[in-house]
Amino acid sequence: MTLKQVTARSAINKYSLLAGAAGLIPAPGLDMLGIGGVQYAMIRKLAEQYNVPMPAKEQVMAIVAALTGSLGATKVAYGAGGSLLKSVPLVGTTLGMVSVSVFASALTYAIGKVFMMHFETGGNFLTLNPDKLRGHFEAEFRAGAAQAA
């Protein structure tokens, strides 16, 4: 394993933890904003490390949305529903915080691993094809969920 790979994996783990922490924000909606910001910062860090030019934030987030769409409505609803659950006092807040934290950590881990693999093979934002990476993304999401739980 190269130093670049070790550094990238370390960054992915760091940002996954930060996304999990953002998932603990008790306010519905603010948690999702925090998670999105952490994911964008991680992608920017990986792109910088692999010397890949960054496009506009909107383009990056569109790629992330295309990747996460492969999880299916059930898993995406789980993350969004957990955020809404936080509006229920006490039990809802606690359950929502835990579920969103685990979901955010796993999602961020998977996004990071996909971008790392793509950049490792010489890819950039223009050549990233979410349809071709869905299987890898889903496998990394499962690995991230096991790690976060």
C-alpha atoms as a PDB file:
ATOM      1  CA  MET A   1       0.000   0.000   0.000  1.00  0.00           C
ATOM      2  CA  THR A   2       1.374   3.390  -0.981  1.00  0.00           C
ATOM      3  CA  LEU A   3       1.617   6.420   1.269  1.00  0.00           C
ATOM      4  CA  LYS A   4      -1.066   8.095  -0.870  1.00  0.00           C
ATOM      5  CA  GLN A   5      -3.448   5.171  -0.258  1.00  0.00           C
ATOM      6  CA  VAL A   6      -2.760   5.178   3.480  1.00  0.00           C
ATOM      7  CA  THR A   7      -3.381   8.930   3.629  1.00  0.00           C
ATOM      8  CA  ALA A   8      -6.591   8.602   1.590  1.00  0.00           C
ATOM      9  CA  ARG A   9      -7.916   5.797   3.808  1.00  0.00           C
ATOM     10  CA  SER A  10      -7.085   7.836   6.883  1.00  0.00           C
ATOM     11  CA  ALA A  11      -8.992  10.816   5.452  1.00  0.00           C
ATOM     12  CA  ILE A  12     -11.985   8.614   4.609  1.00  0.00           C
ATOM     13  CA  ASN A  13     -12.078   7.237   8.154  1.00  0.00           C
ATOM     14  CA  LYS A  14     -11.742  10.741   9.629  1.00  0.00           C
ATOM     15  CA  TYR A  15     -14.540  12.213   7.513  1.00  0.00           C
ATOM     16  CA  SER A  16     -16.759   9.172   8.148  1.00  0.00           C
ATOM     17  CA  LEU A  17     -16.442   9.835  11.873  1.00  0.00           C
ATOM     18  CA  LEU A  18     -17.174  13.524  11.320  1.00  0.00           C
ATOM     19  CA  ALA A  19     -20.279  12.657   9.287  1.00  0.00           C
ATOM     20  CA  GLY A  20     -21.397  10.333  12.078  1.00  0.00           C
ATOM     21  CA  ALA A  21     -20.916  13.198  14.529  1.00  0.00           C
ATOM     22  CA  ALA A  22     -22.951  15.505  12.269  1.00  0.00           C
ATOM     23  CA  GLY A  23     -25.689  12.864  12.342  1.00  0.00           C
ATOM     24  CA  LEU A  24     -25.902  13.418  16.094  1.00  0.00           C
ATOM     25  CA  ILE A  25     -27.086  17.008  15.608  1.00  0.00           C
ATOM     26  CA  PRO A  26     -30.566  16.884  17.174  1.00  0.00           C
ATOM     27  CA  ALA A  27     -32.182  19.368  14.765  1.00  0.00           C
ATOM     28  CA  PRO A  28     -33.836  17.727  11.731  1.00  0.00           C
ATOM     29  CA  GLY A  29     -32.431  19.172   8.511  1.00  0.00           C
ATOM     30  CA  LEU A  30     -29.365  20.727  10.111  1.00  0.00           C
ATOM     31  CA  ASP A  31     -27.914  17.249  10.483  1.00  0.00           C
ATOM     32  CA  MET A  32     -28.256  16.627   6.738  1.00  0.00           C
ATOM     33  CA  LEU A  33     -26.620  19.970   5.927  1.00  0.00           C
ATOM     34  CA  GLY A  34     -23.710  19.070   8.177  1.00  0.00           C
ATOM     35  CA  ILE A  35     -23.353  15.613   6.659  1.00  0.00           C
ATOM     36  CA  GLY A  36     -23.379  17.020   3.115  1.00  0.00           C
ATOM     37  CA  GLY A  37     -20.715  19.552   4.061  1.00  0.00           C
ATOM     38  CA  VAL A  38     -18.496  16.850   5.546  1.00  0.00           C
ATOM     39  CA  GLN A  39     -18.883  14.675   2.449  1.00  0.00           C
ATOM     40  CA  TYR A  40     -18.007  17.560   0.150  1.00  0.00           C
ATOM     41  CA  ALA A  41     -14.933  18.401   2.246  1.00  0.00           C
ATOM     42  CA  MET A  42     -13.797  14.755   2.073  1.00  0.00           C
ATOM     43  CA  ILE A  43     -14.188  14.609  -1.703  1.00  0.00           C
ATOM     44  CA  ARG A  44     -12.299  17.897  -2.041  1.00  0.00           C
ATOM     45  CA  LYS A  45      -9.485  16.488   0.142  1.00  0.00           C
ATOM     46  CA  LEU A  46      -9.262  13.283  -1.921  1.00  0.00           C
ATOM     47  CA  ALA A  47      -9.268  15.235  -5.192  1.00  0.00           C
ATOM     48  CA  GLU A  48      -6.485  17.457  -3.890  1.00  0.00           C
ATOM     49  CA  GLN A  49      -4.454  14.445  -2.805  1.00  0.00           C
ATOM     50  CA  TYR A  50      -4.803  12.784  -6.218  1.00  0.00           C
ATOM     51  CA  ASN A  51      -4.284  16.072  -8.108  1.00  0.00           C
ATOM     52  CA  VAL A  52      -7.746  15.928  -9.654  1.00  0.00           C
ATOM     53  CA  PRO A  53      -9.257  19.344 -10.515  1.00  0.00           C
ATOM     54  CA  MET A  54     -12.453  20.070  -8.570  1.00  0.00           C
ATOM     55  CA  PRO A  55     -15.548  21.072 -10.522  1.00  0.00           C
ATOM     56  CA  ALA A  56     -18.285  23.275  -9.067  1.00  0.00           C
ATOM     57  CA  LYS A  57     -19.835  22.084  -5.812  1.00  0.00           C
ATOM     58  CA  GLU A  58     -23.168  21.459  -7.531  1.00  0.00           C
ATOM     59  CA  GLN A  59     -21.552  19.034  -9.995  1.00  0.00           C
ATOM     60  CA  VAL A  60     -19.868  17.116  -7.183  1.00  0.00           C
ATOM     61  CA  MET A  61     -23.101  16.859  -5.217  1.00  0.00           C
ATOM     62  CA  ALA A  62     -24.957  15.685  -8.352  1.00  0.00           C
ATOM     63  CA  ILE A  63     -22.445  12.828  -8.672  1.00  0.00           C
ATOM     64  CA  VAL A  64     -22.944  11.974  -4.991  1.00  0.00           C
ATOM     65  CA  ALA A  65     -26.730  12.004  -5.479  1.00  0.00           C
ATOM     66  CA  ALA A  66     -26.410   9.658  -8.462  1.00  0.00           C
ATOM     67  CA  LEU A  67     -24.259   7.279  -6.411  1.00  0.00           C
ATOM     68  CA  THR A  68     -26.520   7.313  -3.372  1.00  0.00           C
ATOM     69  CA  GLY A  69     -29.561   6.724  -5.543  1.00  0.00           C
ATOM     70  CA  SER A  70     -28.270   3.199  -6.041  1.00  0.00           C
ATOM     71  CA  LEU A  71     -29.002   2.392  -2.407  1.00  0.00           C
ATOM     72  CA  GLY A  72     -32.697   2.250  -3.119  1.00  0.00           C
ATOM     73  CA  ALA A  73     -35.576   4.115  -1.591  1.00  0.00           C
ATOM     74  CA  THR A  74     -35.648   2.040   1.598  1.00  0.00           C
ATOM     75  CA  LYS A  75     -32.138   2.901   2.754  1.00  0.00           C
ATOM     76  CA  VAL A  76     -32.358   6.539   1.702  1.00  0.00           C
ATOM     77  CA  ALA A  77     -35.716   6.824   3.497  1.00  0.00           C
ATOM     78  CA  TYR A  78     -34.067   5.290   6.559  1.00  0.00           C
ATOM     79  CA  GLY A  79     -31.576   8.159   6.675  1.00  0.00           C
ATOM     80  CA  ALA A  80     -34.155  10.868   5.977  1.00  0.00           C
ATOM     81  CA  GLY A  81     -36.708   9.257   8.290  1.00  0.00           C
ATOM     82  CA  GLY A  82     -34.147   9.128  11.068  1.00  0.00           C
ATOM     83  CA  SER A  83     -33.637  12.843  10.670  1.00  0.00           C
ATOM     84  CA  LEU A  84     -37.388  13.499  10.885  1.00  0.00           C
ATOM     85  CA  LEU A  85     -37.660  11.152  13.869  1.00  0.00           C
ATOM     86  CA  LYS A  86     -35.559  13.653  15.794  1.00  0.00           C
ATOM     87  CA  SER A  87     -38.569  15.964  15.981  1.00  0.00           C
ATOM     88  CA  VAL A  88     -40.299  13.500  18.358  1.00  0.00           C
ATOM     89  CA  PRO A  89     -39.248  14.426  21.912  1.00  0.00           C
ATOM     90  CA  LEU A  90     -36.943  12.133  23.918  1.00  0.00           C
ATOM     91  CA  VAL A  91     -37.198   8.654  22.375  1.00  0.00           C
ATOM     92  CA  GLY A  92     -37.537   9.898  18.798  1.00  0.00           C
ATOM     93  CA  THR A  93     -34.644  12.290  19.206  1.00  0.00           C
ATOM     94  CA  THR A  94     -32.405   9.567  20.625  1.00  0.00           C
ATOM     95  CA  LEU A  95     -33.334   6.941  18.023  1.00  0.00           C
ATOM     96  CA  GLY A  96     -33.052   9.480  15.220  1.00  0.00           C
ATOM     97  CA  MET A  97     -29.625  10.620  16.339  1.00  0.00           C
ATOM     98  CA  VAL A  98     -28.274   7.063  16.507  1.00  0.00           C
ATOM     99  CA  SER A  99     -29.771   5.915  13.197  1.00  0.00           C
ATOM    100  CA  VAL A 100     -28.704   9.011  11.250  1.00  0.00           C
ATOM    101  CA  SER A 101     -25.223   8.854  12.756  1.00  0.00           C
ATOM    102  CA  VAL A 102     -24.663   5.245  11.629  1.00  0.00           C
ATOM    103  CA  PHE A 103     -26.232   5.911   8.213  1.00  0.00           C
ATOM    104  CA  ALA A 104     -24.135   9.063   7.642  1.00  0.00           C
ATOM    105  CA  SER A 105     -20.922   7.341   8.639  1.00  0.00           C
ATOM    106  CA  ALA A 106     -21.567   4.358   6.333  1.00  0.00           C
ATOM    107  CA  LEU A 107     -22.642   6.582   3.453  1.00  0.00           C
ATOM    108  CA  THR A 108     -19.604   8.844   3.769  1.00  0.00           C
ATOM    109  CA  TYR A 109     -17.279   5.840   3.984  1.00  0.00           C
ATOM    110  CA  ALA A 110     -18.757   4.367   0.785  1.00  0.00           C
ATOM    111  CA  ILE A 111     -18.555   7.671  -1.081  1.00  0.00           C
ATOM    112  CA  GLY A 112     -14.933   8.103  -0.033  1.00  0.00           C
ATOM    113  CA  LYS A 113     -13.942   4.580  -1.048  1.00  0.00           C
ATOM    114  CA  VAL A 114     -15.563   4.956  -4.477  1.00  0.00           C
ATOM    115  CA  PHE A 115     -13.829   8.272  -5.156  1.00  0.00           C
ATOM    116  CA  MET A 116     -10.515   6.875  -3.891  1.00  0.00           C
ATOM    117  CA  MET A 117     -10.746   3.839  -6.180  1.00  0.00           C
ATOM    118  CA  HIS A 118     -11.755   6.008  -9.135  1.00  0.00           C
ATOM    119  CA  PHE A 119      -8.919   8.494  -8.573  1.00  0.00           C
ATOM    120  CA  GLU A 120      -6.436   5.627  -8.017  1.00  0.00           C
ATOM    121  CA  THR A 121      -7.186   4.334 -11.505  1.00  0.00           C
ATOM    122  CA  GLY A 122      -6.546   7.748 -13.050  1.00  0.00           C
ATOM    123  CA  GLY A 123     -10.181   8.820 -13.200  1.00  0.00           C
ATOM    124  CA  ASN A 124     -11.513  12.311 -12.662  1.00  0.00           C
ATOM    125  CA  PHE A 125     -14.922  13.897 -12.146  1.00  0.00           C
ATOM    126  CA  LEU A 126     -15.711  13.877 -15.862  1.00  0.00           C
ATOM    127  CA  THR A 127     -14.988  10.160 -16.255  1.00  0.00           C
ATOM    128  CA  LEU A 128     -16.826   9.013 -13.122  1.00  0.00           C
ATOM    129  CA  ASN A 129     -19.819   6.913 -14.173  1.00  0.00           C
ATOM    130  CA  PRO A 130     -22.120   6.252 -11.181  1.00  0.00           C
ATOM    131  CA  ASP A 131     -23.914   3.424 -13.015  1.00  0.00           C
ATOM    132  CA  LYS A 132     -20.667   1.471 -13.390  1.00  0.00           C
ATOM    133  CA  LEU A 133     -19.677   2.062  -9.759  1.00  0.00           C
ATOM    134  CA  ARG A 134     -22.981   1.122  -8.099  1.00  0.00           C
ATOM    135  CA  GLY A 135     -21.971  -2.417  -7.184  1.00  0.00           C
ATOM    136  CA  HIS A 136     -18.737  -1.222  -5.603  1.00  0.00           C
ATOM    137  CA  PHE A 137     -20.578   1.604  -3.836  1.00  0.00           C
ATOM    138  CA  GLU A 138     -23.164  -0.766  -2.347  1.00  0.00           C
ATOM    139  CA  ALA A 139     -20.454  -3.164  -1.136  1.00  0.00           C
ATOM    140  CA  GLU A 140     -18.554  -0.298   0.484  1.00  0.00           C
ATOM    141  CA  PHE A 141     -21.788   0.976   2.081  1.00  0.00           C
ATOM    142  CA  ARG A 142     -22.312  -2.432   3.702  1.00  0.00           C
ATOM    143  CA  ALA A 143     -18.692  -2.429   4.890  1.00  0.00           C
ATOM    144  CA  GLY A 144     -19.100   1.094   6.257  1.00  0.00           C
ATOM    145  CA  ALA A 145     -22.335   0.168   8.048  1.00  0.00           C
ATOM    146  CA  ALA A 146     -20.657  -2.825   9.688  1.00  0.00           C
ATOM    147  CA  GLN A 147     -17.770  -0.611  10.759  1.00  0.00           C
ATOM    148  CA  ALA A 148     -20.067   2.130  12.114  1.00  0.00           C
ATOM    149  CA  ALA A 149     -22.419  -0.167  14.036  1.00  0.00           C
END
